[in-house]
C-alpha atoms as a PDB file:
ATOM      1  CA  MET A   1     -23.769 -14.151  -5.181  1.00  0.00           C
ATOM      2  CA  LYS A   2     -22.221 -13.212  -1.836  1.00  0.00           C
ATOM      3  CA  LYS A   3     -18.453 -12.673  -1.524  1.00  0.00           C
ATOM      4  CA  ILE A   4     -17.768 -12.693  -5.271  1.00  0.00           C
ATOM      5  CA  LEU A   5     -14.920 -10.192  -5.126  1.00  0.00           C
ATOM      6  CA  LEU A   6     -13.772 -11.282  -1.678  1.00  0.00           C
ATOM      7  CA  ILE A   7     -13.138 -14.807  -2.974  1.00  0.00           C
ATOM      8  CA  LEU A   8     -11.304 -13.468  -6.003  1.00  0.00           C
ATOM      9  CA  LEU A   9      -8.962 -11.186  -4.089  1.00  0.00           C
ATOM     10  CA  THR A  10      -8.118 -13.317  -1.100  1.00  0.00           C
ATOM     11  CA  LEU A  11      -6.843 -16.037  -3.390  1.00  0.00           C
ATOM     12  CA  GLY A  12      -3.770 -13.927  -4.030  1.00  0.00           C
ATOM     13  CA  SER A  13      -2.549 -14.474  -0.467  1.00  0.00           C
ATOM     14  CA  MET A  14       0.936 -15.889  -1.119  1.00  0.00           C
ATOM     15  CA  GLN A  15       4.144 -14.878   0.630  1.00  0.00           C
ATOM     16  CA  ILE A  16       7.221 -15.268  -1.532  1.00  0.00           C
ATOM     17  CA  VAL A  17      10.640 -13.936  -0.491  1.00  0.00           C
ATOM     18  CA  PHE A  18      10.935 -10.352  -1.779  1.00  0.00           C
ATOM     19  CA  SER A  19      13.331  -9.903  -4.657  1.00  0.00           C
ATOM     20  CA  GLN A  20      14.250  -6.887  -6.738  1.00  0.00           C
ATOM     21  CA  GLN A  21      12.869  -7.927 -10.091  1.00  0.00           C
ATOM     22  CA  GLU A  22      10.913  -6.375 -12.906  1.00  0.00           C
ATOM     23  CA  LYS A  23       7.318  -5.790 -11.860  1.00  0.00           C
ATOM     24  CA  ALA A  24       4.648  -8.232 -12.975  1.00  0.00           C
ATOM     25  CA  PHE A  25       2.119  -5.430 -13.542  1.00  0.00           C
ATOM     26  CA  GLY A  26       1.834  -1.718 -14.209  1.00  0.00           C
ATOM     27  CA  ASN A  27      -0.385   1.262 -14.942  1.00  0.00           C
ATOM     28  CA  GLY A  28      -3.341   0.429 -17.190  1.00  0.00           C
ATOM     29  CA  GLU A  29      -3.649  -3.270 -16.417  1.00  0.00           C
ATOM     30  CA  TRP A  30      -7.271  -4.487 -16.402  1.00  0.00           C
ATOM     31  CA  PHE A  31      -8.867  -7.886 -15.814  1.00  0.00           C
ATOM     32  CA  LYS A  32     -12.460  -9.049 -16.169  1.00  0.00           C
ATOM     33  CA  PHE A  33     -13.727 -12.330 -14.718  1.00  0.00           C
ATOM     34  CA  LYS A  34     -16.918 -14.254 -15.312  1.00  0.00           C
ATOM     35  CA  MET A  35     -18.418 -16.045 -12.317  1.00  0.00           C
ATOM     36  CA  SER A  36     -20.516 -19.210 -12.463  1.00  0.00           C
ATOM     37  CA  TYR A  37     -22.391 -21.020  -9.707  1.00  0.00           C
ATOM     38  CA  SER A  38     -22.380 -24.827  -9.444  1.00  0.00           C
ATOM     39  CA  GLY A  39     -20.791 -25.108 -12.881  1.00  0.00           C
ATOM     40  CA  PHE A  40     -23.604 -23.814 -15.085  1.00  0.00           C
ATOM     41  CA  LEU A  41     -25.478 -20.806 -13.678  1.00  0.00           C
ATOM     42  CA  LYS A  42     -23.906 -17.417 -14.403  1.00  0.00           C
ATOM     43  CA  ALA A  43     -23.448 -15.619 -11.099  1.00  0.00           C
ATOM     44  CA  GLY A  44     -21.762 -12.329 -11.941  1.00  0.00           C
ATOM     45  CA  ASN A  45     -18.633 -10.480 -12.980  1.00  0.00           C
ATOM     46  CA  ALA A  46     -15.595  -8.953 -11.343  1.00  0.00           C
ATOM     47  CA  THR A  47     -12.936  -6.514 -12.562  1.00  0.00           C
ATOM     48  CA  LEU A  48      -9.535  -5.329 -11.350  1.00  0.00           C
ATOM     49  CA  THR A  49      -7.998  -2.085 -12.623  1.00  0.00           C
ATOM     50  CA  VAL A  50      -4.535  -0.599 -11.941  1.00  0.00           C
ATOM     51  CA  LYS A  51      -3.797   3.121 -12.317  1.00  0.00           C
ATOM     52  CA  ASP A  52      -0.937   5.438 -11.303  1.00  0.00           C
ATOM     53  CA  SER A  53      -1.866   7.937  -8.597  1.00  0.00           C
ATOM     54  CA  LYS A  54      -0.546   9.936  -5.633  1.00  0.00           C
ATOM     55  CA  ILE A  55      -1.433   9.915  -1.952  1.00  0.00           C
ATOM     56  CA  ASN A  56       0.207  12.234   0.576  1.00  0.00           C
ATOM     57  CA  ASN A  57       2.681  13.242  -2.137  1.00  0.00           C
ATOM     58  CA  LYS A  58       3.784   9.628  -2.608  1.00  0.00           C
ATOM     59  CA  ASP A  59       3.652   7.783  -5.913  1.00  0.00           C
ATOM     60  CA  VAL A  60       1.222   4.890  -5.592  1.00  0.00           C
ATOM     61  CA  TYR A  61      -0.735   2.353  -7.571  1.00  0.00           C
ATOM     62  CA  HIS A  62      -4.476   2.818  -7.165  1.00  0.00           C
ATOM     63  CA  VAL A  63      -6.242  -0.501  -7.685  1.00  0.00           C
ATOM     64  CA  VAL A  64     -10.031  -0.705  -7.917  1.00  0.00           C
ATOM     65  CA  GLY A  65     -11.800  -4.047  -7.660  1.00  0.00           C
ATOM     66  CA  LYS A  66     -15.493  -4.385  -8.447  1.00  0.00           C
ATOM     67  CA  GLY A  67     -17.844  -7.336  -8.197  1.00  0.00           C
ATOM     68  CA  TRP A  68     -21.526  -7.630  -9.046  1.00  0.00           C
ATOM     69  CA  THR A  69     -24.195 -10.268  -9.611  1.00  0.00           C
ATOM     70  CA  THR A  70     -25.934 -10.729 -12.965  1.00  0.00           C
ATOM     71  CA  GLY A  71     -28.834 -12.656 -14.448  1.00  0.00           C
ATOM     72  CA  MET A  72     -31.201 -14.648 -12.259  1.00  0.00           C
ATOM     73  CA  ILE A  73     -28.881 -14.631  -9.246  1.00  0.00           C
ATOM     74  CA  LYS A  74     -29.196 -10.886  -8.702  1.00  0.00           C
ATOM     75  CA  TRP A  75     -32.979 -11.193  -8.252  1.00  0.00           C
ATOM     76  CA  PHE A  76     -32.405 -13.519  -5.297  1.00  0.00           C
ATOM     77  CA  PHE A  77     -29.203 -12.089  -3.873  1.00  0.00           C
ATOM     78  CA  LYS A  78     -27.925  -8.799  -5.274  1.00  0.00           C
ATOM     79  CA  VAL A  79     -24.248  -7.986  -4.843  1.00  0.00           C
ATOM     80  CA  LYS A  80     -22.468  -4.750  -5.685  1.00  0.00           C
ATOM     81  CA  ASP A  81     -18.988  -4.565  -4.146  1.00  0.00           C
ATOM     82  CA  ARG A  82     -16.167  -2.062  -4.533  1.00  0.00           C
ATOM     83  CA  TYR A  83     -12.689  -2.391  -3.070  1.00  0.00           C
ATOM     84  CA  GLU A  84      -9.824   0.088  -3.444  1.00  0.00           C
ATOM     85  CA  SER A  85      -6.191   0.046  -2.402  1.00  0.00           C
ATOM     86  CA  TYR A  86      -3.483   2.678  -2.617  1.00  0.00           C
ATOM     87  CA  PHE A  87      -0.032   1.103  -2.249  1.00  0.00           C
ATOM     88  CA  ASP A  88       3.528   2.336  -2.717  1.00  0.00           C
ATOM     89  CA  LYS A  89       4.882   1.908  -6.248  1.00  0.00           C
ATOM     90  CA  HIS A  90       8.258   0.720  -4.961  1.00  0.00           C
ATOM     91  CA  THR A  91       7.633  -1.242  -1.749  1.00  0.00           C
ATOM     92  CA  LEU A  92       4.034  -2.249  -2.665  1.00  0.00           C
ATOM     93  CA  ILE A  93       3.030  -1.559   0.956  1.00  0.00           C
ATOM     94  CA  PRO A  94      -0.499  -0.091   1.336  1.00  0.00           C
ATOM     95  CA  TYR A  95      -1.350   3.357   2.680  1.00  0.00           C
ATOM     96  CA  LYS A  96      -5.106   3.315   2.240  1.00  0.00           C
ATOM     97  CA  PHE A  97      -7.877   0.756   1.754  1.00  0.00           C
ATOM     98  CA  VAL A  98     -11.579   1.224   0.948  1.00  0.00           C
ATOM     99  CA  ARG A  99     -14.376  -1.331   1.226  1.00  0.00           C
ATOM    100  CA  ASN A 100     -17.862  -0.319   0.068  1.00  0.00           C
ATOM    101  CA  ILE A 101     -20.217  -3.266  -0.357  1.00  0.00           C
ATOM    102  CA  TYR A 102     -23.849  -4.221  -0.812  1.00  0.00           C
ATOM    103  CA  GLU A 103     -24.532  -7.937  -0.390  1.00  0.00           C
ATOM    104  CA  GLY A 104     -28.155  -8.989  -0.200  1.00  0.00           C
ATOM    105  CA  GLY A 105     -29.109  -5.967   1.880  1.00  0.00           C
ATOM    106  CA  HIS A 106     -25.979  -6.145   4.038  1.00  0.00           C
ATOM    107  CA  THR A 107     -23.803  -3.045   3.614  1.00  0.00           C
ATOM    108  CA  LYS A 108     -20.387  -1.845   4.747  1.00  0.00           C
ATOM    109  CA  ASP A 109     -18.564   1.415   4.108  1.00  0.00           C
ATOM    110  CA  ILE A 110     -15.084   1.243   5.621  1.00  0.00           C
ATOM    111  CA  GLU A 111     -11.948   3.294   4.986  1.00  0.00           C
ATOM    112  CA  ILE A 112      -8.581   2.361   6.487  1.00  0.00           C
ATOM    113  CA  GLU A 113      -5.476   4.547   6.677  1.00  0.00           C
ATOM    114  CA  PHE A 114      -2.286   2.576   7.369  1.00  0.00           C
ATOM    115  CA  ASP A 115       0.553   4.059   9.426  1.00  0.00           C
ATOM    116  CA  GLN A 116       3.296   1.711   8.308  1.00  0.00           C
ATOM    117  CA  ILE A 117       5.936   3.456  10.430  1.00  0.00           C
ATOM    118  CA  ASN A 118       4.110   3.017  13.752  1.00  0.00           C
ATOM    119  CA  ASN A 119       2.248  -0.163  12.745  1.00  0.00           C
ATOM    120  CA  LYS A 120      -1.242   1.259  13.164  1.00  0.00           C
ATOM    121  CA  ALA A 121      -4.470   0.963  11.183  1.00  0.00           C
ATOM    122  CA  HIS A 122      -6.874   3.898  11.491  1.00  0.00           C
ATOM    123  CA  VAL A 123     -10.278   2.413  10.690  1.00  0.00           C
ATOM    124  CA  HIS A 124     -13.205   4.673   9.786  1.00  0.00           C
ATOM    125  CA  ASP A 125     -16.532   2.851   9.754  1.00  0.00           C
ATOM    126  CA  LYS A 126     -18.576   5.416   7.874  1.00  0.00           C
ATOM    127  CA  LYS A 127     -21.827   3.467   8.141  1.00  0.00           C
ATOM    128  CA  HIS A 128     -21.733   3.461  11.940  1.00  0.00           C
ATOM    129  CA  LYS A 129     -19.805   6.753  12.224  1.00  0.00           C
ATOM    130  CA  LYS A 130     -17.076   5.092  14.270  1.00  0.00           C
ATOM    131  CA  LYS A 131     -13.297   5.570  14.211  1.00  0.00           C
ATOM    132  CA  THR A 132     -10.875   3.040  15.695  1.00  0.00           C
ATOM    133  CA  THR A 133      -7.102   2.702  15.828  1.00  0.00           C
ATOM    134  CA  ILE A 134      -5.752  -0.855  15.852  1.00  0.00           C
ATOM    135  CA  ASN A 135      -2.206  -2.173  16.214  1.00  0.00           C
ATOM    136  CA  THR A 136      -0.909  -4.082  13.183  1.00  0.00           C
ATOM    137  CA  LYS A 137       2.099  -6.188  12.317  1.00  0.00           C
ATOM    138  CA  PRO A 138       5.010  -4.634  10.375  1.00  0.00           C
ATOM    139  CA  ASN A 139       4.495  -4.305   6.616  1.00  0.00           C
ATOM    140  CA  ILE A 140       0.859  -5.364   6.901  1.00  0.00           C
ATOM    141  CA  GLN A 141      -1.037  -5.797   3.641  1.00  0.00           C
ATOM    142  CA  ASP A 142      -4.678  -5.155   2.835  1.00  0.00           C
ATOM    143  CA  MET A 143      -6.906  -7.528   0.908  1.00  0.00           C
ATOM    144  CA  VAL A 144      -6.181  -5.952  -2.493  1.00  0.00           C
ATOM    145  CA  SER A 145      -2.509  -5.019  -2.130  1.00  0.00           C
ATOM    146  CA  THR A 146      -1.720  -8.553  -0.945  1.00  0.00           C
ATOM    147  CA  TYR A 147      -2.372  -9.963  -4.382  1.00  0.00           C
ATOM    148  CA  TYR A 148      -0.184  -7.454  -6.212  1.00  0.00           C
ATOM    149  CA  TYR A 149       2.640  -7.522  -3.669  1.00  0.00           C
ATOM    150  CA  LEU A 150       2.941 -11.293  -3.750  1.00  0.00           C
ATOM    151  CA  ARG A 151       2.134 -11.845  -7.400  1.00  0.00           C
ATOM    152  CA  ASN A 152       5.065  -9.585  -8.171  1.00  0.00           C
ATOM    153  CA  ASN A 153       7.496 -11.843  -6.309  1.00  0.00           C
ATOM    154  CA  ILE A 154       6.686 -15.382  -7.384  1.00  0.00           C
ATOM    155  CA  ASN A 155       9.958 -17.065  -8.250  1.00  0.00           C
ATOM    156  CA  VAL A 156       8.960 -19.917 -10.539  1.00  0.00           C
ATOM    157  CA  SER A 157      12.464 -21.370 -10.662  1.00  0.00           C
ATOM    158  CA  THR A 158      12.517 -22.132  -6.926  1.00  0.00           C
ATOM    159  CA  LEU A 159       8.967 -23.446  -6.452  1.00  0.00           C
ATOM    160  CA  LYS A 160       8.644 -27.073  -5.362  1.00  0.00           C
ATOM    161  CA  ILE A 161       5.454 -29.091  -5.007  1.00  0.00           C
ATOM    162  CA  GLY A 162       4.294 -28.901  -1.406  1.00  0.00           C
ATOM    163  CA  ASP A 163       5.941 -25.531  -0.711  1.00  0.00           C
ATOM    164  CA  GLU A 164       3.862 -23.431   1.697  1.00  0.00           C
ATOM    165  CA  PHE A 165       3.762 -19.647   1.956  1.00  0.00           C
ATOM    166  CA  LYS A 166       2.212 -17.408   4.615  1.00  0.00           C
ATOM    167  CA  ILE A 167       1.297 -13.755   4.946  1.00  0.00           C
ATOM    168  CA  ASP A 168      -0.542 -11.431   7.335  1.00  0.00           C
ATOM    169  CA  MET A 169      -3.370  -9.323   5.953  1.00  0.00           C
ATOM    170  CA  PHE A 170      -5.531  -6.681   7.665  1.00  0.00           C
ATOM    171  CA  PHE A 171      -9.234  -6.818   6.847  1.00  0.00           C
ATOM    172  CA  ASP A 172     -11.956  -4.642   8.426  1.00  0.00           C
ATOM    173  CA  GLU A 173     -10.653  -4.567  12.030  1.00  0.00           C
ATOM    174  CA  GLU A 174      -8.557  -7.730  12.279  1.00  0.00           C
ATOM    175  CA  THR A 175      -5.323  -9.296  11.086  1.00  0.00           C
ATOM    176  CA  TYR A 176      -5.748 -12.603   9.275  1.00  0.00           C
ATOM    177  CA  GLY A 177      -3.164 -15.224   8.472  1.00  0.00           C
ATOM    178  CA  PHE A 178      -3.284 -17.066   5.144  1.00  0.00           C
ATOM    179  CA  LYS A 179      -1.368 -20.148   4.105  1.00  0.00           C
ATOM    180  CA  LEU A 180      -0.915 -21.232   0.525  1.00  0.00           C
ATOM    181  CA  GLN A 181       0.417 -24.534  -0.809  1.00  0.00           C
ATOM    182  CA  TYR A 182       1.936 -24.977  -4.258  1.00  0.00           C
ATOM    183  CA  LEU A 183       0.419 -27.996  -6.020  1.00  0.00           C
ATOM    184  CA  GLY A 184       2.442 -27.976  -9.237  1.00  0.00           C
ATOM    185  CA  SER A 185       2.041 -26.798 -12.824  1.00  0.00           C
ATOM    186  CA  GLU A 186      -0.384 -27.853 -15.534  1.00  0.00           C
ATOM    187  CA  THR A 187      -1.728 -26.646 -18.865  1.00  0.00           C
ATOM    188  CA  ILE A 188      -5.359 -25.513 -18.709  1.00  0.00           C
ATOM    189  CA  SER A 189      -7.897 -24.586 -21.367  1.00  0.00           C
ATOM    190  CA  THR A 190      -9.007 -20.923 -21.280  1.00  0.00           C
ATOM    191  CA  ASP A 191     -11.005 -18.544 -23.472  1.00  0.00           C
ATOM    192  CA  PHE A 192      -7.677 -17.530 -25.027  1.00  0.00           C
ATOM    193  CA  GLY A 193      -6.340 -21.030 -25.711  1.00  0.00           C
ATOM    194  CA  ASN A 194      -4.242 -23.464 -23.697  1.00  0.00           C
ATOM    195  CA  VAL A 195      -2.078 -21.740 -21.083  1.00  0.00           C
ATOM    196  CA  GLU A 196       0.648 -23.080 -18.790  1.00  0.00           C
ATOM    197  CA  ALA A 197      -0.410 -22.406 -15.201  1.00  0.00           C
ATOM    198  CA  LEU A 198       0.838 -22.622 -11.623  1.00  0.00           C
ATOM    199  CA  LYS A 199      -1.668 -24.302  -9.320  1.00  0.00           C
ATOM    200  CA  PHE A 200      -2.100 -23.328  -5.668  1.00  0.00           C
ATOM    201  CA  ARG A 201      -4.310 -24.282  -2.727  1.00  0.00           C
ATOM    202  CA  PRO A 202      -5.094 -21.431  -0.303  1.00  0.00           C
ATOM    203  CA  TYR A 203      -6.106 -22.600   3.165  1.00  0.00           C
ATOM    204  CA  VAL A 204      -8.974 -20.545   4.539  1.00  0.00           C
ATOM    205  CA  MET A 205     -11.086 -20.522   7.671  1.00  0.00           C
ATOM    206  CA  ALA A 206     -13.997 -22.948   7.289  1.00  0.00           C
ATOM    207  CA  GLY A 207     -17.410 -21.774   8.399  1.00  0.00           C
ATOM    208  CA  ARG A 208     -19.949 -19.335   7.034  1.00  0.00           C
ATOM    209  CA  VAL A 209     -18.720 -19.178   3.426  1.00  0.00           C
ATOM    210  CA  PHE A 210     -16.349 -22.048   2.650  1.00  0.00           C
ATOM    211  CA  LYS A 211     -17.064 -25.731   3.097  1.00  0.00           C
ATOM    212  CA  GLU A 212     -13.680 -26.686   4.519  1.00  0.00           C
ATOM    213  CA  GLU A 213     -10.073 -25.548   4.731  1.00  0.00           C
ATOM    214  CA  GLU A 214      -9.130 -27.041   1.367  1.00  0.00           C
ATOM    215  CA  SER A 215     -12.100 -25.657  -0.554  1.00  0.00           C
ATOM    216  CA  LEU A 216     -10.198 -23.221  -2.806  1.00  0.00           C
ATOM    217  CA  THR A 217      -7.980 -23.785  -5.838  1.00  0.00           C
ATOM    218  CA  LEU A 218      -6.192 -21.095  -7.865  1.00  0.00           C
ATOM    219  CA  TRP A 219      -4.430 -21.179 -11.244  1.00  0.00           C
ATOM    220  CA  VAL A 220      -2.123 -18.329 -12.386  1.00  0.00           C
ATOM    221  CA  SER A 221      -0.258 -18.015 -15.663  1.00  0.00           C
ATOM    222  CA  LYS A 222       3.282 -19.393 -15.661  1.00  0.00           C
ATOM    223  CA  ASP A 223       4.779 -16.268 -17.200  1.00  0.00           C
ATOM    224  CA  LYS A 224       6.059 -12.915 -15.932  1.00  0.00           C
ATOM    225  CA  ASN A 225       2.518 -11.531 -15.589  1.00  0.00           C
ATOM    226  CA  LYS A 226       1.242 -14.178 -13.108  1.00  0.00           C
ATOM    227  CA  VAL A 227      -2.303 -13.552 -14.358  1.00  0.00           C
ATOM    228  CA  PRO A 228      -5.093 -15.201 -12.328  1.00  0.00           C
ATOM    229  CA  LEU A 229      -6.680 -17.545 -14.865  1.00  0.00           C
ATOM    230  CA  ARG A 230      -9.145 -19.573 -12.836  1.00  0.00           C
ATOM    231  CA  ILE A 231     -10.495 -19.894  -9.313  1.00  0.00           C
ATOM    232  CA  LYS A 232     -12.675 -22.684  -7.943  1.00  0.00           C
ATOM    233  CA  ALA A 233     -14.356 -22.513  -4.545  1.00  0.00           C
ATOM    234  CA  ASP A 234     -16.533 -25.050  -2.771  1.00  0.00           C
ATOM    235  CA  LEU A 235     -19.063 -23.102  -0.730  1.00  0.00           C
ATOM    236  CA  ALA A 236     -21.305 -24.119   2.147  1.00  0.00           C
ATOM    237  CA  VAL A 237     -24.018 -24.478  -0.529  1.00  0.00           C
ATOM    238  CA  GLY A 238     -22.881 -25.264  -4.081  1.00  0.00           C
ATOM    239  CA  SER A 239     -19.642 -24.125  -5.717  1.00  0.00           C
ATOM    240  CA  LEU A 240     -18.336 -20.953  -7.356  1.00  0.00           C
ATOM    241  CA  ARG A 241     -15.928 -20.624 -10.260  1.00  0.00           C
ATOM    242  CA  ALA A 242     -14.249 -17.553 -11.731  1.00  0.00           C
ATOM    243  CA  ASP A 243     -12.572 -17.552 -15.157  1.00  0.00           C
ATOM    244  CA  LEU A 244     -10.577 -14.778 -16.774  1.00  0.00           C
ATOM    245  CA  GLU A 245     -12.763 -13.438 -19.580  1.00  0.00           C
ATOM    246  CA  ALA A 246     -10.854 -10.383 -20.842  1.00  0.00           C
ATOM    247  CA  PHE A 247      -7.693  -8.419 -20.133  1.00  0.00           C
ATOM    248  CA  LYS A 248      -5.639  -5.481 -21.375  1.00  0.00           C
ATOM    249  CA  GLY A 249      -2.542  -3.529 -20.426  1.00  0.00           C
ATOM    250  CA  LEU A 250      -0.352  -6.494 -19.463  1.00  0.00           C
ATOM    251  CA  LYS A 251       3.253  -5.580 -18.785  1.00  0.00           C
ATOM    252  CA  HIS A 252       4.671  -8.732 -20.401  1.00  0.00           C
ATOM    253  CA  PRO A 253       3.669 -11.029 -23.276  1.00  0.00           C
ATOM    254  CA  PHE A 254       0.837 -13.434 -22.473  1.00  0.00           C
ATOM    255  CA  LYS A 255       1.937 -16.900 -23.521  1.00  0.00           C
ATOM    256  CA  ILE A 256      -0.369 -19.368 -25.271  1.00  0.00           C
ATOM    257  CA  VAL A 257       0.629 -22.996 -25.770  1.00  0.00           C
ATOM    258  CA  VAL A 258       0.818 -23.688 -29.496  1.00  0.00           C
ATOM    259  CA  GLU A 259       0.338 -27.339 -30.393  1.00  0.00           C
ATOM    260  CA  ASN A 260       2.216 -28.747 -33.376  1.00  0.00           C
END
């Protein structure tokens, strides 16, 4: 199923005012998601892993995201995607981004080095053996670091229904703007029990993949972890849903609603 991991990661595109608070994640965190197509057909899996690392003598988080098709879907449209981001442990600003994908015969192998001081992105398209330098906006995020940077700064106490948040993200060779609207809170049923969640609507560019601007909905846990619990996407053909299936290494307690 095309864009499995892309859908998962871009849903984290929320800009919340930066605040010096305890981080929502840390070394060793791991998520696994199960993907289903049109509500019943298993489409694939995706994982996100956080590890401590170093790049250019700087302490960073190295996040690896993987997505792949399973079952019958992979015989019609095989997907095997890998995304990596290296971002500063303190500022959460990215220094390096890797995108290596196979989607139904379509491939990309791109590596981006970010010069955050001079606002440049050095893009190396390994498949086509091409190097390009592109101007970026200050404190630009990549597709993976965006989620962790903004997840870390959600201030639940100040959120109001209808609030909108924006952020700039660099992807491949372009800067994209994302807008996210807060829809409110609700308790949802998960594989782990009932969980209080924050519900958001990301606005995305309609066209090749998504049916319309309002085709995505995201639920994250209403605790200090801000775990992505569920994602629903209406596609040009059918719909795609991702549900958190397993996790480990959370920095804070994961809260389950206990009914009396």
